[in-house]
Amino acid sequence: MISVSARKPPANRGRIVVAKVGLDGHDRGARVLARMLREEGFEVVFVGIRHKPDQVADIAVAEEADVVGLSILSGAHVELAAAVRRALDARGLAHIPITVGGLIPRADGELLRKVGVARAFHPGDSGIDSGPISAAMDALVDQSRAAEPGTSGTAATGAV
């Protein structure tokens, strides 16, 4: 269970598109993340399961996303994150950071960084405290909003 703080979150902390890419149909973690981020004051667009990378990029355009968060349990996190990065870049959204969470091995951090992931969340990273995730998302939203469209959104804001 995720705990959230009792304080009133600031308005408009950022818009985050949360998606499941590929054939992975297990969405409980993504739904918990979406709810936690909403309770922390982020606007979250949870697009559900089984999306193609191009669909996620199109949704990011339509929703004017600050960050794209991918939940991946299938083991194809490097390939799927790279495909989403390419799709975002092709639409002039290189400034939008990508986060990846799920069953992400820490050993894949460098590979994820190379394919354009700004932040990876690993099992047990935050325990039941929403603070570290919210802080990371705040940093990514700030990075996205400060960047010129078309510039890289891959600068890491913490351990990948």
N, C-alpha and C. Protein backbone atom coordinates (compact mmCIF):
# COMPACT_ATOMS: atom_id res chain seq x y z
N MET A 1 0.83 -1.17 0.00
CA MET A 1 0.00 0.00 0.00
C MET A 1 0.88 1.24 0.00
N ILE A 2 0.51 2.23 -0.78
CA ILE A 2 1.23 3.49 -0.87
C ILE A 2 0.62 4.47 0.12
N SER A 3 1.44 5.14 0.88
CA SER A 3 0.92 6.19 1.76
C SER A 3 1.15 7.53 1.11
N VAL A 4 0.23 8.42 1.29
CA VAL A 4 0.38 9.77 0.77
C VAL A 4 0.28 10.74 1.92
N SER A 5 0.88 11.88 1.74
CA SER A 5 0.90 12.86 2.82
C SER A 5 -0.47 13.49 3.01
N ALA A 6 -0.69 14.03 4.21
CA ALA A 6 -1.97 14.67 4.52
C ALA A 6 -1.99 16.12 4.07
N ARG A 7 -0.84 16.67 3.67
CA ARG A 7 -0.81 18.06 3.24
C ARG A 7 -1.55 18.23 1.92
N LYS A 8 -2.05 19.42 1.69
CA LYS A 8 -2.72 19.70 0.42
C LYS A 8 -1.65 19.92 -0.64
N PRO A 9 -1.67 19.14 -1.71
CA PRO A 9 -0.64 19.29 -2.73
C PRO A 9 -0.84 20.58 -3.53
N PRO A 10 0.26 21.15 -4.04
CA PRO A 10 0.12 22.33 -4.87
C PRO A 10 -0.59 21.99 -6.17
N ALA A 11 -1.30 22.96 -6.69
CA ALA A 11 -2.02 22.75 -7.95
C ALA A 11 -1.03 22.71 -9.11
N ASN A 12 -1.39 21.98 -10.14
CA ASN A 12 -0.63 21.95 -11.39
C ASN A 12 0.84 21.58 -11.21
N ARG A 13 1.07 20.49 -10.53
CA ARG A 13 2.45 20.02 -10.38
C ARG A 13 2.98 19.45 -11.68
N GLY A 14 2.11 19.17 -12.63
CA GLY A 14 2.54 18.64 -13.91
C GLY A 14 1.57 17.62 -14.44
N ARG A 15 1.64 17.40 -15.75
CA ARG A 15 0.77 16.43 -16.40
C ARG A 15 1.61 15.23 -16.82
N ILE A 16 1.22 14.06 -16.33
CA ILE A 16 1.97 12.83 -16.58
C ILE A 16 1.08 11.83 -17.28
N VAL A 17 1.54 11.33 -18.41
CA VAL A 17 0.86 10.25 -19.11
C VAL A 17 1.46 8.95 -18.60
N VAL A 18 0.62 8.08 -18.06
CA VAL A 18 1.06 6.76 -17.57
C VAL A 18 0.48 5.71 -18.50
N ALA A 19 1.36 4.86 -19.04
CA ALA A 19 0.92 3.89 -20.04
C ALA A 19 1.57 2.53 -19.84
N LYS A 20 0.87 1.52 -20.28
CA LYS A 20 1.39 0.17 -20.40
C LYS A 20 1.64 -0.06 -21.88
N VAL A 21 2.87 -0.40 -22.23
CA VAL A 21 3.24 -0.57 -23.63
C VAL A 21 3.48 -2.05 -23.90
N GLY A 22 3.12 -2.47 -25.08
CA GLY A 22 3.31 -3.87 -25.44
C GLY A 22 2.16 -4.73 -24.98
N LEU A 23 2.41 -6.01 -24.85
CA LEU A 23 1.35 -6.97 -24.56
C LEU A 23 1.11 -7.20 -23.07
N ASP A 24 1.88 -6.55 -22.22
CA ASP A 24 1.73 -6.70 -20.78
C ASP A 24 0.36 -6.18 -20.35
N GLY A 25 -0.46 -7.03 -19.76
CA GLY A 25 -1.81 -6.63 -19.38
C GLY A 25 -2.01 -6.40 -17.90
N HIS A 26 -0.95 -6.51 -17.11
CA HIS A 26 -1.09 -6.33 -15.66
C HIS A 26 -0.93 -4.86 -15.32
N ASP A 27 -2.03 -4.23 -14.91
CA ASP A 27 -2.01 -2.78 -14.72
C ASP A 27 -2.16 -2.31 -13.29
N ARG A 28 -2.15 -3.21 -12.33
CA ARG A 28 -2.37 -2.79 -10.94
C ARG A 28 -1.34 -1.77 -10.48
N GLY A 29 -0.06 -2.03 -10.73
CA GLY A 29 0.98 -1.09 -10.31
C GLY A 29 0.83 0.26 -10.97
N ALA A 30 0.49 0.27 -12.26
CA ALA A 30 0.30 1.54 -12.96
C ALA A 30 -0.89 2.30 -12.40
N ARG A 31 -1.94 1.59 -12.05
CA ARG A 31 -3.12 2.25 -11.45
C ARG A 31 -2.80 2.81 -10.07
N VAL A 32 -2.04 2.08 -9.28
CA VAL A 32 -1.64 2.57 -7.96
C VAL A 32 -0.77 3.82 -8.12
N LEU A 33 0.17 3.78 -9.05
CA LEU A 33 1.02 4.94 -9.32
C LEU A 33 0.18 6.14 -9.75
N ALA A 34 -0.74 5.93 -10.68
CA ALA A 34 -1.58 7.03 -11.16
C ALA A 34 -2.37 7.65 -10.01
N ARG A 35 -2.93 6.82 -9.17
CA ARG A 35 -3.72 7.35 -8.04
C ARG A 35 -2.83 8.12 -7.07
N MET A 36 -1.67 7.56 -6.76
CA MET A 36 -0.76 8.23 -5.83
C MET A 36 -0.34 9.59 -6.38
N LEU A 37 0.00 9.64 -7.67
CA LEU A 37 0.41 10.92 -8.26
C LEU A 37 -0.73 11.93 -8.27
N ARG A 38 -1.94 11.48 -8.54
CA ARG A 38 -3.11 12.38 -8.48
C ARG A 38 -3.28 12.94 -7.08
N GLU A 39 -3.15 12.07 -6.08
CA GLU A 39 -3.31 12.52 -4.70
C GLU A 39 -2.20 13.47 -4.28
N GLU A 40 -1.08 13.42 -4.97
CA GLU A 40 0.04 14.32 -4.70
C GLU A 40 -0.06 15.61 -5.52
N GLY A 41 -1.11 15.77 -6.32
CA GLY A 41 -1.33 17.02 -7.04
C GLY A 41 -0.93 17.04 -8.49
N PHE A 42 -0.53 15.90 -9.03
CA PHE A 42 -0.21 15.83 -10.45
C PHE A 42 -1.49 15.54 -11.24
N GLU A 43 -1.54 16.03 -12.45
CA GLU A 43 -2.62 15.64 -13.35
C GLU A 43 -2.12 14.39 -14.08
N VAL A 44 -2.86 13.31 -13.95
CA VAL A 44 -2.41 12.04 -14.53
C VAL A 44 -3.41 11.58 -15.57
N VAL A 45 -2.88 11.21 -16.73
CA VAL A 45 -3.68 10.62 -17.79
C VAL A 45 -3.24 9.16 -17.87
N PHE A 46 -4.05 8.26 -17.30
CA PHE A 46 -3.74 6.83 -17.36
C PHE A 46 -4.43 6.27 -18.59
N VAL A 47 -3.64 5.80 -19.54
CA VAL A 47 -4.20 5.39 -20.83
C VAL A 47 -4.46 3.90 -20.94
N GLY A 48 -4.16 3.15 -19.89
CA GLY A 48 -4.49 1.74 -19.91
C GLY A 48 -3.41 0.87 -20.50
N ILE A 49 -3.83 -0.32 -20.93
CA ILE A 49 -2.89 -1.37 -21.32
C ILE A 49 -2.81 -1.55 -22.83
N ARG A 50 -1.74 -2.24 -23.21
CA ARG A 50 -1.51 -2.72 -24.57
C ARG A 50 -1.48 -1.63 -25.64
N HIS A 51 -0.71 -0.61 -25.37
CA HIS A 51 -0.54 0.46 -26.35
C HIS A 51 0.75 0.27 -27.12
N LYS A 52 0.75 0.75 -28.35
CA LYS A 52 1.95 0.78 -29.17
C LYS A 52 2.71 2.07 -28.83
N PRO A 53 4.03 2.07 -29.02
CA PRO A 53 4.80 3.28 -28.75
C PRO A 53 4.28 4.51 -29.48
N ASP A 54 3.88 4.36 -30.73
CA ASP A 54 3.34 5.51 -31.48
C ASP A 54 2.06 6.03 -30.86
N GLN A 55 1.24 5.14 -30.32
CA GLN A 55 0.00 5.58 -29.66
C GLN A 55 0.32 6.39 -28.40
N VAL A 56 1.30 5.94 -27.64
CA VAL A 56 1.69 6.66 -26.43
C VAL A 56 2.20 8.06 -26.81
N ALA A 57 3.00 8.15 -27.85
CA ALA A 57 3.51 9.45 -28.29
C ALA A 57 2.38 10.36 -28.76
N ASP A 58 1.43 9.80 -29.50
CA ASP A 58 0.28 10.60 -29.95
C ASP A 58 -0.54 11.11 -28.76
N ILE A 59 -0.70 10.28 -27.74
CA ILE A 59 -1.42 10.70 -26.54
C ILE A 59 -0.64 11.80 -25.82
N ALA A 60 0.68 11.66 -25.76
CA ALA A 60 1.50 12.70 -25.12
C ALA A 60 1.33 14.03 -25.82
N VAL A 61 1.24 14.01 -27.15
CA VAL A 61 1.00 15.24 -27.92
C VAL A 61 -0.37 15.81 -27.57
N ALA A 62 -1.39 14.97 -27.67
CA ALA A 62 -2.77 15.43 -27.44
C ALA A 62 -2.98 15.95 -26.03
N GLU A 63 -2.32 15.35 -25.06
CA GLU A 63 -2.50 15.72 -23.65
C GLU A 63 -1.52 16.78 -23.18
N GLU A 64 -0.60 17.18 -24.06
CA GLU A 64 0.44 18.15 -23.69
C GLU A 64 1.17 17.70 -22.43
N ALA A 65 1.65 16.48 -22.47
CA ALA A 65 2.31 15.86 -21.32
C ALA A 65 3.63 16.54 -20.98
N ASP A 66 3.92 16.57 -19.68
CA ASP A 66 5.23 17.00 -19.19
C ASP A 66 6.17 15.81 -19.06
N VAL A 67 5.61 14.65 -18.75
CA VAL A 67 6.39 13.43 -18.52
C VAL A 67 5.57 12.25 -19.04
N VAL A 68 6.26 11.25 -19.57
CA VAL A 68 5.62 9.98 -19.93
C VAL A 68 6.18 8.91 -19.00
N GLY A 69 5.28 8.23 -18.30
CA GLY A 69 5.67 7.15 -17.41
C GLY A 69 5.21 5.82 -17.97
N LEU A 70 6.14 4.89 -18.10
CA LEU A 70 5.83 3.57 -18.62
C LEU A 70 5.91 2.55 -17.50
N SER A 71 4.92 1.69 -17.42
CA SER A 71 4.92 0.58 -16.47
C SER A 71 5.11 -0.69 -17.26
N ILE A 72 6.22 -1.39 -16.99
CA ILE A 72 6.56 -2.56 -17.79
C ILE A 72 6.96 -3.71 -16.87
N LEU A 73 6.26 -4.82 -17.02
CA LEU A 73 6.55 -6.02 -16.24
C LEU A 73 7.06 -7.16 -17.11
N SER A 74 7.05 -6.98 -18.41
CA SER A 74 7.29 -8.08 -19.35
C SER A 74 8.75 -8.44 -19.55
N GLY A 75 9.67 -7.59 -19.12
CA GLY A 75 11.08 -7.83 -19.38
C GLY A 75 11.58 -7.14 -20.63
N ALA A 76 10.71 -6.51 -21.38
CA ALA A 76 11.08 -5.82 -22.62
C ALA A 76 11.24 -4.32 -22.40
N HIS A 77 11.61 -3.92 -21.19
CA HIS A 77 11.65 -2.50 -20.83
C HIS A 77 12.64 -1.69 -21.67
N VAL A 78 13.80 -2.23 -22.01
CA VAL A 78 14.77 -1.48 -22.80
C VAL A 78 14.23 -1.23 -24.20
N GLU A 79 13.75 -2.28 -24.84
CA GLU A 79 13.24 -2.15 -26.20
C GLU A 79 12.01 -1.24 -26.28
N LEU A 80 11.09 -1.41 -25.34
CA LEU A 80 9.86 -0.61 -25.36
C LEU A 80 10.14 0.85 -25.04
N ALA A 81 11.00 1.11 -24.07
CA ALA A 81 11.35 2.49 -23.74
C ALA A 81 12.05 3.16 -24.92
N ALA A 82 12.93 2.44 -25.59
CA ALA A 82 13.61 2.99 -26.77
C ALA A 82 12.61 3.33 -27.87
N ALA A 83 11.63 2.47 -28.07
CA ALA A 83 10.63 2.71 -29.11
C ALA A 83 9.77 3.93 -28.77
N VAL A 84 9.41 4.09 -27.50
CA VAL A 84 8.63 5.27 -27.10
C VAL A 84 9.49 6.53 -27.26
N ARG A 85 10.78 6.47 -26.87
CA ARG A 85 11.67 7.62 -27.04
C ARG A 85 11.73 8.03 -28.51
N ARG A 86 11.90 7.06 -29.41
CA ARG A 86 11.95 7.38 -30.85
C ARG A 86 10.65 8.01 -31.32
N ALA A 87 9.53 7.47 -30.85
CA ALA A 87 8.22 8.00 -31.26
C ALA A 87 8.02 9.43 -30.76
N LEU A 88 8.43 9.70 -29.53
CA LEU A 88 8.33 11.07 -29.01
C LEU A 88 9.25 12.01 -29.79
N ASP A 89 10.48 11.58 -30.02
CA ASP A 89 11.44 12.41 -30.75
C ASP A 89 10.93 12.73 -32.15
N ALA A 90 10.31 11.76 -32.81
CA ALA A 90 9.79 11.95 -34.16
C ALA A 90 8.68 12.99 -34.21
N ARG A 91 8.04 13.23 -33.08
CA ARG A 91 6.95 14.22 -33.00
C ARG A 91 7.42 15.54 -32.41
N GLY A 92 8.73 15.73 -32.31
CA GLY A 92 9.27 16.96 -31.76
C GLY A 92 9.18 17.05 -30.25
N LEU A 93 9.06 15.91 -29.59
CA LEU A 93 8.89 15.88 -28.13
C LEU A 93 10.12 15.31 -27.42
N ALA A 94 11.30 15.61 -27.95
CA ALA A 94 12.53 15.11 -27.33
C ALA A 94 12.73 15.67 -25.94
N HIS A 95 12.06 16.78 -25.63
CA HIS A 95 12.21 17.40 -24.30
C HIS A 95 11.38 16.72 -23.22
N ILE A 96 10.49 15.81 -23.59
CA ILE A 96 9.64 15.14 -22.60
C ILE A 96 10.39 13.93 -22.03
N PRO A 97 10.65 13.95 -20.73
CA PRO A 97 11.34 12.81 -20.11
C PRO A 97 10.45 11.57 -20.04
N ILE A 98 11.10 10.43 -20.11
CA ILE A 98 10.43 9.14 -19.95
C ILE A 98 10.90 8.52 -18.63
N THR A 99 9.94 8.01 -17.86
CA THR A 99 10.26 7.20 -16.70
C THR A 99 9.77 5.78 -16.96
N VAL A 100 10.44 4.84 -16.34
CA VAL A 100 10.07 3.44 -16.47
C VAL A 100 10.01 2.84 -15.08
N GLY A 101 8.94 2.11 -14.81
CA GLY A 101 8.81 1.41 -13.54
C GLY A 101 8.23 0.03 -13.77
N GLY A 102 8.32 -0.78 -12.76
CA GLY A 102 7.82 -2.16 -12.86
C GLY A 102 8.91 -3.10 -12.40
N LEU A 103 9.08 -4.18 -13.11
CA LEU A 103 10.14 -5.14 -12.78
C LEU A 103 11.39 -4.78 -13.57
N ILE A 104 12.04 -3.73 -13.14
CA ILE A 104 13.19 -3.18 -13.85
C ILE A 104 14.46 -3.52 -13.07
N PRO A 105 15.32 -4.38 -13.61
CA PRO A 105 16.56 -4.71 -12.91
C PRO A 105 17.49 -3.49 -12.81
N ARG A 106 18.08 -3.30 -11.65
CA ARG A 106 19.02 -2.19 -11.49
C ARG A 106 20.18 -2.29 -12.48
N ALA A 107 20.54 -3.51 -12.83
CA ALA A 107 21.66 -3.72 -13.75
C ALA A 107 21.39 -3.13 -15.14
N ASP A 108 20.15 -2.85 -15.46
CA ASP A 108 19.80 -2.30 -16.77
C ASP A 108 19.82 -0.77 -16.81
N GLY A 109 20.26 -0.14 -15.72
CA GLY A 109 20.26 1.31 -15.64
C GLY A 109 21.00 1.99 -16.78
N GLU A 110 22.21 1.53 -17.07
CA GLU A 110 23.00 2.16 -18.14
C GLU A 110 22.35 1.97 -19.50
N LEU A 111 21.82 0.78 -19.76
CA LEU A 111 21.11 0.55 -21.03
C LEU A 111 19.91 1.48 -21.16
N LEU A 112 19.16 1.63 -20.09
CA LEU A 112 17.99 2.51 -20.12
C LEU A 112 18.40 3.96 -20.36
N ARG A 113 19.46 4.39 -19.73
CA ARG A 113 19.96 5.74 -19.93
C ARG A 113 20.34 5.94 -21.40
N LYS A 114 21.00 4.95 -21.99
CA LYS A 114 21.44 5.06 -23.38
C LYS A 114 20.28 5.16 -24.36
N VAL A 115 19.15 4.55 -24.03
CA VAL A 115 18.00 4.61 -24.95
C VAL A 115 17.07 5.77 -24.64
N GLY A 116 17.45 6.60 -23.65
CA GLY A 116 16.70 7.82 -23.43
C GLY A 116 15.76 7.86 -22.25
N VAL A 117 15.93 6.96 -21.29
CA VAL A 117 15.10 6.99 -20.09
C VAL A 117 15.75 7.94 -19.08
N ALA A 118 14.94 8.87 -18.56
CA ALA A 118 15.44 9.84 -17.60
C ALA A 118 15.48 9.28 -16.18
N ARG A 119 14.55 8.40 -15.85
CA ARG A 119 14.47 7.87 -14.47
C ARG A 119 13.79 6.52 -14.49
N ALA A 120 14.40 5.55 -13.81
CA ALA A 120 13.79 4.23 -13.65
C ALA A 120 13.46 4.03 -12.18
N PHE A 121 12.34 3.39 -11.94
CA PHE A 121 11.92 3.04 -10.59
C PHE A 121 11.93 1.53 -10.48
N HIS A 122 12.60 1.04 -9.45
CA HIS A 122 12.81 -0.38 -9.27
C HIS A 122 11.95 -0.89 -8.12
N PRO A 123 11.67 -2.20 -8.10
CA PRO A 123 10.88 -2.74 -6.99
C PRO A 123 11.48 -2.34 -5.64
N GLY A 124 10.63 -1.82 -4.78
CA GLY A 124 11.06 -1.45 -3.44
C GLY A 124 11.71 -0.09 -3.30
N ASP A 125 11.82 0.68 -4.38
CA ASP A 125 12.49 1.98 -4.31
C ASP A 125 11.89 2.91 -3.27
N SER A 126 10.58 2.99 -3.22
CA SER A 126 9.97 3.97 -2.33
C SER A 126 9.27 3.34 -1.14
N GLY A 127 9.22 2.03 -1.08
CA GLY A 127 8.49 1.38 0.01
C GLY A 127 7.05 1.85 0.00
N ILE A 128 6.60 2.40 1.11
CA ILE A 128 5.23 2.89 1.16
C ILE A 128 5.18 4.42 1.20
N ASP A 129 6.31 5.07 0.94
CA ASP A 129 6.40 6.52 1.00
C ASP A 129 6.33 7.09 -0.41
N SER A 130 5.36 7.96 -0.66
CA SER A 130 5.20 8.55 -1.99
C SER A 130 6.19 9.69 -2.24
N GLY A 131 6.86 10.17 -1.21
CA GLY A 131 7.74 11.33 -1.34
C GLY A 131 8.83 11.21 -2.39
N PRO A 132 9.62 10.13 -2.41
CA PRO A 132 10.68 10.04 -3.41
C PRO A 132 10.16 10.03 -4.85
N ILE A 133 9.05 9.40 -5.09
CA ILE A 133 8.48 9.37 -6.44
C ILE A 133 7.99 10.76 -6.82
N SER A 134 7.29 11.42 -5.91
CA SER A 134 6.79 12.77 -6.19
C SER A 134 7.93 13.74 -6.44
N ALA A 135 8.99 13.64 -5.64
CA ALA A 135 10.14 14.52 -5.82
C ALA A 135 10.80 14.30 -7.18
N ALA A 136 10.94 13.04 -7.58
CA ALA A 136 11.51 12.74 -8.89
C ALA A 136 10.64 13.29 -10.00
N MET A 137 9.33 13.14 -9.86
CA MET A 137 8.41 13.66 -10.89
C MET A 137 8.45 15.18 -10.94
N ASP A 138 8.54 15.84 -9.78
CA ASP A 138 8.67 17.30 -9.78
C ASP A 138 9.89 17.73 -10.58
N ALA A 139 11.02 17.07 -10.35
CA ALA A 139 12.25 17.41 -11.07
C ALA A 139 12.10 17.19 -12.56
N LEU A 140 11.45 16.10 -12.95
CA LEU A 140 11.26 15.83 -14.37
C LEU A 140 10.30 16.82 -15.02
N VAL A 141 9.24 17.18 -14.32
CA VAL A 141 8.31 18.20 -14.84
C VAL A 141 9.06 19.51 -15.03
N ASP A 142 9.84 19.91 -14.04
CA ASP A 142 10.62 21.15 -14.16
C ASP A 142 11.56 21.10 -15.35
N GLN A 143 12.23 19.96 -15.53
CA GLN A 143 13.15 19.77 -16.66
C GLN A 143 12.40 19.90 -17.98
N SER A 144 11.25 19.27 -18.07
CA SER A 144 10.46 19.29 -19.29
C SER A 144 9.99 20.70 -19.62
N ARG A 145 9.50 21.40 -18.62
CA ARG A 145 8.95 22.75 -18.84
C ARG A 145 10.05 23.76 -19.15
N ALA A 146 11.26 23.53 -18.66
CA ALA A 146 12.36 24.45 -18.89
C ALA A 146 13.03 24.23 -20.25
N ALA A 147 12.88 23.04 -20.80
CA ALA A 147 13.55 22.69 -22.06
C ALA A 147 12.83 23.30 -23.25
N GLU A 148 13.60 23.57 -24.25
CA GLU A 148 13.03 23.99 -25.52
C GLU A 148 12.50 22.76 -26.22
N PRO A 149 11.31 22.84 -26.82
CA PRO A 149 10.81 21.68 -27.58
C PRO A 149 11.85 21.22 -28.59
N GLY A 150 12.02 19.92 -28.66
CA GLY A 150 12.98 19.34 -29.58
C GLY A 150 14.33 19.06 -28.96
N THR A 151 14.60 19.60 -27.75
CA THR A 151 15.86 19.31 -27.08
C THR A 151 15.69 18.06 -26.23
N SER A 152 16.78 17.50 -25.81
CA SER A 152 16.75 16.21 -25.13
C SER A 152 16.07 16.26 -23.77
N GLY A 153 15.20 15.27 -23.52
CA GLY A 153 14.55 15.10 -22.23
C GLY A 153 15.11 13.92 -21.48
N THR A 154 16.34 13.55 -21.80
CA THR A 154 16.89 12.32 -21.24
C THR A 154 17.84 12.54 -20.08
N ALA A 155 18.06 13.78 -19.69
CA ALA A 155 18.97 14.02 -18.56
C ALA A 155 18.42 13.34 -17.32
N ALA A 156 19.22 12.51 -16.72
CA ALA A 156 18.76 11.76 -15.55
C ALA A 156 18.59 12.67 -14.35
N THR A 157 17.57 12.40 -13.55
CA THR A 157 17.33 13.18 -12.34
C THR A 157 17.48 12.29 -11.12
N GLY A 158 18.30 11.32 -11.21
CA GLY A 158 18.49 10.39 -10.11
C GLY A 158 18.98 9.08 -10.67
N ALA A 159 19.05 8.10 -9.84
CA ALA A 159 19.52 6.80 -10.27
C ALA A 159 18.59 6.22 -11.31
N VAL A 160 19.16 5.78 -12.40
CA VAL A 160 18.36 5.08 -13.42
C VAL A 160 18.45 3.62 -13.16
